[in-house]
């Protein structure tokens, strides 16, 4: 089975998944979107209203913020892979619970990342940062403010990969002071991608 066929199979399993309670309220599960040969994978927290409606990641206002950040460093959505820790929208946009995260990541996210085998995982927000770094053996990941804009060399599952935590694009919608921090982080990311000849 080809890489594309394997990724399609994961996506198909996501769309009909009933392994945790989140499926009860979903309209569409959101497997992820982008280039399965990408060197960079962006991992957010969970689908929101528009993502649930359309079945695609990072739409609506937060999606526009992310698109602009990508554009500012010379990347397009089509050149990266974008997904979330959990694939179904939590009720009222609450944070995913630990059992939901454990179920969804073990079944789907870890397999997606292993299949893509990126050079850099960009974690968007505290939830995805805490999961990726703790899974890589770093403990006490409580605050994104102490971790953002730094590169961590880790072993995630069986992969040697770099992890770059930053704020979730939705954060600027609630607190405009994060806009400059996000822009600054993405410039650091751009330099790292250039140094590694990814862009």
Protein backbone atom coordinates (compact mmCIF):
# COMPACT_ATOMS: atom_id res chain seq x y z
CA UNK A 1 0.00 0.00 0.00
CA UNK A 2 1.38 3.43 -0.96
CA UNK A 3 1.93 6.29 1.47
CA UNK A 4 -1.05 8.15 -0.02
CA UNK A 5 -3.26 5.09 0.36
CA UNK A 6 -2.18 4.64 3.97
CA UNK A 7 -2.97 8.28 4.75
CA UNK A 8 -6.34 7.97 3.02
CA UNK A 9 -7.08 4.90 5.11
CA UNK A 10 -6.31 6.83 8.32
CA UNK A 11 -8.55 9.68 7.14
CA UNK A 12 -11.32 7.23 6.36
CA UNK A 13 -11.08 5.72 9.83
CA UNK A 14 -11.19 9.20 11.39
CA UNK A 15 -14.39 10.13 9.57
CA UNK A 16 -16.33 7.19 11.03
CA UNK A 17 -14.58 6.95 14.41
CA UNK A 18 -16.72 6.33 17.50
CA UNK A 19 -13.86 5.52 19.90
CA UNK A 20 -14.55 8.42 22.28
CA UNK A 21 -17.59 10.50 23.15
CA UNK A 22 -16.67 13.42 20.88
CA UNK A 23 -18.27 11.73 17.88
CA UNK A 24 -21.75 12.30 19.34
CA UNK A 25 -21.75 16.02 18.63
CA UNK A 26 -19.74 16.22 15.41
CA UNK A 27 -20.95 17.11 11.96
CA UNK A 28 -17.63 16.22 10.35
CA UNK A 29 -14.45 14.75 11.74
CA UNK A 30 -11.30 16.61 10.60
CA UNK A 31 -8.45 14.24 9.73
CA UNK A 32 -6.05 16.93 8.49
CA UNK A 33 -4.99 18.49 5.22
CA UNK A 34 -1.86 19.12 3.21
CA UNK A 35 1.23 17.57 1.71
CA UNK A 36 1.98 14.09 3.04
CA UNK A 37 5.59 14.57 1.94
CA UNK A 38 5.85 17.81 3.94
CA UNK A 39 8.91 18.60 6.03
CA UNK A 40 6.74 20.62 8.42
CA UNK A 41 3.62 19.46 10.27
CA UNK A 42 1.45 21.93 12.20
CA UNK A 43 -0.54 20.46 15.09
CA UNK A 44 -3.33 22.42 16.76
CA UNK A 45 -5.76 21.49 19.51
CA UNK A 46 -9.16 20.55 18.04
CA UNK A 47 -11.60 21.50 15.30
CA UNK A 48 -13.83 24.50 15.91
CA UNK A 49 -17.20 25.50 14.47
CA UNK A 50 -16.17 25.98 10.84
CA UNK A 51 -13.79 23.04 10.85
CA UNK A 52 -16.61 20.82 12.12
CA UNK A 53 -18.90 22.22 9.43
CA UNK A 54 -16.47 21.70 6.54
CA UNK A 55 -14.27 18.81 7.68
CA UNK A 56 -11.06 20.80 7.12
CA UNK A 57 -8.55 22.19 9.64
CA UNK A 58 -8.01 25.83 10.55
CA UNK A 59 -10.83 27.64 8.79
CA UNK A 60 -12.58 30.76 10.01
CA UNK A 61 -10.78 33.58 11.80
CA UNK A 62 -7.99 31.45 13.29
CA UNK A 63 -7.40 29.88 9.90
CA UNK A 64 -6.98 33.30 8.31
CA UNK A 65 -4.40 34.18 10.97
CA UNK A 66 -2.49 30.97 10.25
CA UNK A 67 -2.67 31.51 6.49
CA UNK A 68 -1.20 35.00 6.89
CA UNK A 69 1.58 33.72 9.17
CA UNK A 70 2.45 31.06 6.61
CA UNK A 71 2.37 33.59 3.79
CA UNK A 72 4.72 35.88 5.75
CA UNK A 73 7.39 33.16 5.84
CA UNK A 74 6.91 32.04 2.25
CA UNK A 75 4.80 28.92 2.78
CA UNK A 76 1.41 27.82 1.51
CA UNK A 77 -1.04 25.42 3.12
CA UNK A 78 -0.40 23.03 0.26
CA UNK A 79 3.29 22.78 1.23
CA UNK A 80 2.74 21.72 4.84
CA UNK A 81 0.46 19.30 6.67
CA UNK A 82 -2.03 20.73 9.17
CA UNK A 83 -3.94 18.70 11.72
CA UNK A 84 -5.07 18.65 15.37
CA UNK A 85 -4.55 16.62 18.52
CA UNK A 86 -8.18 15.45 18.40
CA UNK A 87 -10.15 15.12 15.19
CA UNK A 88 -13.67 15.99 16.40
CA UNK A 89 -14.94 19.25 17.86
CA UNK A 90 -15.33 19.21 21.66
CA UNK A 91 -18.69 20.58 22.92
CA UNK A 92 -18.73 24.38 23.19
CA UNK A 93 -15.08 24.44 22.07
CA UNK A 94 -13.88 23.21 25.47
CA UNK A 95 -10.37 21.80 25.78
CA UNK A 96 -10.02 18.13 24.87
CA UNK A 97 -9.98 15.82 27.88
CA UNK A 98 -7.10 13.50 28.64
CA UNK A 99 -8.94 10.34 27.57
CA UNK A 100 -10.01 11.98 24.30
CA UNK A 101 -6.42 13.07 23.63
CA UNK A 102 -5.01 9.65 24.47
CA UNK A 103 -7.54 7.85 22.27
CA UNK A 104 -7.25 10.10 19.23
CA UNK A 105 -3.49 10.47 19.24
CA UNK A 106 -2.78 6.78 19.67
CA UNK A 107 -5.23 5.85 16.93
CA UNK A 108 -4.56 8.62 14.41
CA UNK A 109 -2.15 11.51 15.07
CA UNK A 110 0.87 9.38 15.91
CA UNK A 111 0.31 7.30 12.78
CA UNK A 112 -0.04 10.41 10.62
CA UNK A 113 3.20 11.90 11.95
CA UNK A 114 5.05 8.60 11.59
CA UNK A 115 3.82 8.28 8.00
CA UNK A 116 4.76 11.84 7.01
CA UNK A 117 8.05 11.74 8.94
CA UNK A 118 8.47 15.54 9.10
CA UNK A 119 11.67 17.32 10.04
CA UNK A 120 9.84 19.85 12.22
CA UNK A 121 6.57 19.66 14.16
CA UNK A 122 5.11 23.08 14.95
CA UNK A 123 2.81 22.82 17.95
CA UNK A 124 0.11 25.49 18.06
CA UNK A 125 -0.91 26.20 21.64
CA UNK A 126 -0.52 24.60 25.04
CA UNK A 127 -2.51 21.42 24.43
CA UNK A 128 -0.59 20.23 21.38
CA UNK A 129 2.73 21.36 22.87
CA UNK A 130 2.07 19.48 26.10
CA UNK A 131 1.13 16.31 24.25
CA UNK A 132 4.00 16.26 21.74
CA UNK A 133 6.74 17.20 24.21
CA UNK A 134 5.47 14.94 27.00
CA UNK A 135 5.21 12.05 24.53
CA UNK A 136 8.82 12.81 23.64
CA UNK A 137 9.84 12.50 27.28
CA UNK A 138 9.79 16.13 28.43
CA UNK A 139 7.65 16.51 31.54
CA UNK A 140 5.90 19.40 33.29
CA UNK A 141 4.84 21.13 30.08
CA UNK A 142 2.39 23.55 31.64
CA UNK A 143 2.84 26.94 29.99
CA UNK A 144 3.35 27.81 26.35
CA UNK A 145 4.78 31.18 27.37
CA UNK A 146 7.97 29.59 28.69
CA UNK A 147 8.44 27.34 25.64
CA UNK A 148 7.37 29.30 22.57
CA UNK A 149 9.89 30.28 19.93
CA UNK A 150 12.40 27.57 20.92
CA UNK A 151 13.42 24.45 19.06
CA UNK A 152 13.53 21.12 20.88
CA UNK A 153 15.37 18.11 19.48
CA UNK A 154 13.34 15.12 20.56
CA UNK A 155 12.46 11.55 19.81
CA UNK A 156 8.73 11.39 19.10
CA UNK A 157 7.51 7.81 18.91
CA UNK A 158 10.43 6.41 16.88
CA UNK A 159 11.27 9.59 14.98
CA UNK A 160 14.12 12.00 15.57
CA UNK A 161 12.36 15.32 15.02
CA UNK A 162 12.52 18.98 16.01
CA UNK A 163 9.55 20.51 17.81
CA UNK A 164 8.79 24.23 17.62
CA UNK A 165 6.09 25.38 20.08
CA UNK A 166 4.20 28.61 19.49
CA UNK A 167 0.88 30.19 20.38
CA UNK A 168 -2.37 29.03 18.84
CA UNK A 169 -3.53 31.39 16.07
CA UNK A 170 -6.87 31.78 17.86
CA UNK A 171 -5.02 33.41 20.77
CA UNK A 172 -4.71 36.69 18.85
CA UNK A 173 -8.50 36.84 18.52
CA UNK A 174 -8.85 36.98 22.31
CA UNK A 175 -5.65 38.84 23.17
CA UNK A 176 -4.10 41.03 20.46
CA UNK A 177 -0.78 41.18 22.33
CA UNK A 178 -0.10 37.64 21.11
CA UNK A 179 -0.07 38.81 17.48
CA UNK A 180 3.45 40.23 17.70
CA UNK A 181 4.67 37.18 19.61
CA UNK A 182 3.29 34.87 16.94
CA UNK A 183 4.83 36.95 14.16
CA UNK A 184 8.18 36.89 15.94
CA UNK A 185 7.99 33.13 16.49
CA UNK A 186 7.23 32.55 12.82
CA UNK A 187 10.29 34.60 11.85
CA UNK A 188 12.37 32.32 14.08
CA UNK A 189 10.71 29.37 12.38
CA UNK A 190 11.48 30.84 8.96
CA UNK A 191 15.16 31.16 9.84
CA UNK A 192 15.22 27.57 11.09
CA UNK A 193 13.57 26.31 7.90
CA UNK A 194 16.03 28.28 5.78
CA UNK A 195 19.01 26.94 7.75
CA UNK A 196 17.74 23.41 7.14
CA UNK A 197 17.11 24.18 3.45
CA UNK A 198 13.43 23.39 3.82
CA UNK A 199 12.43 26.70 2.28
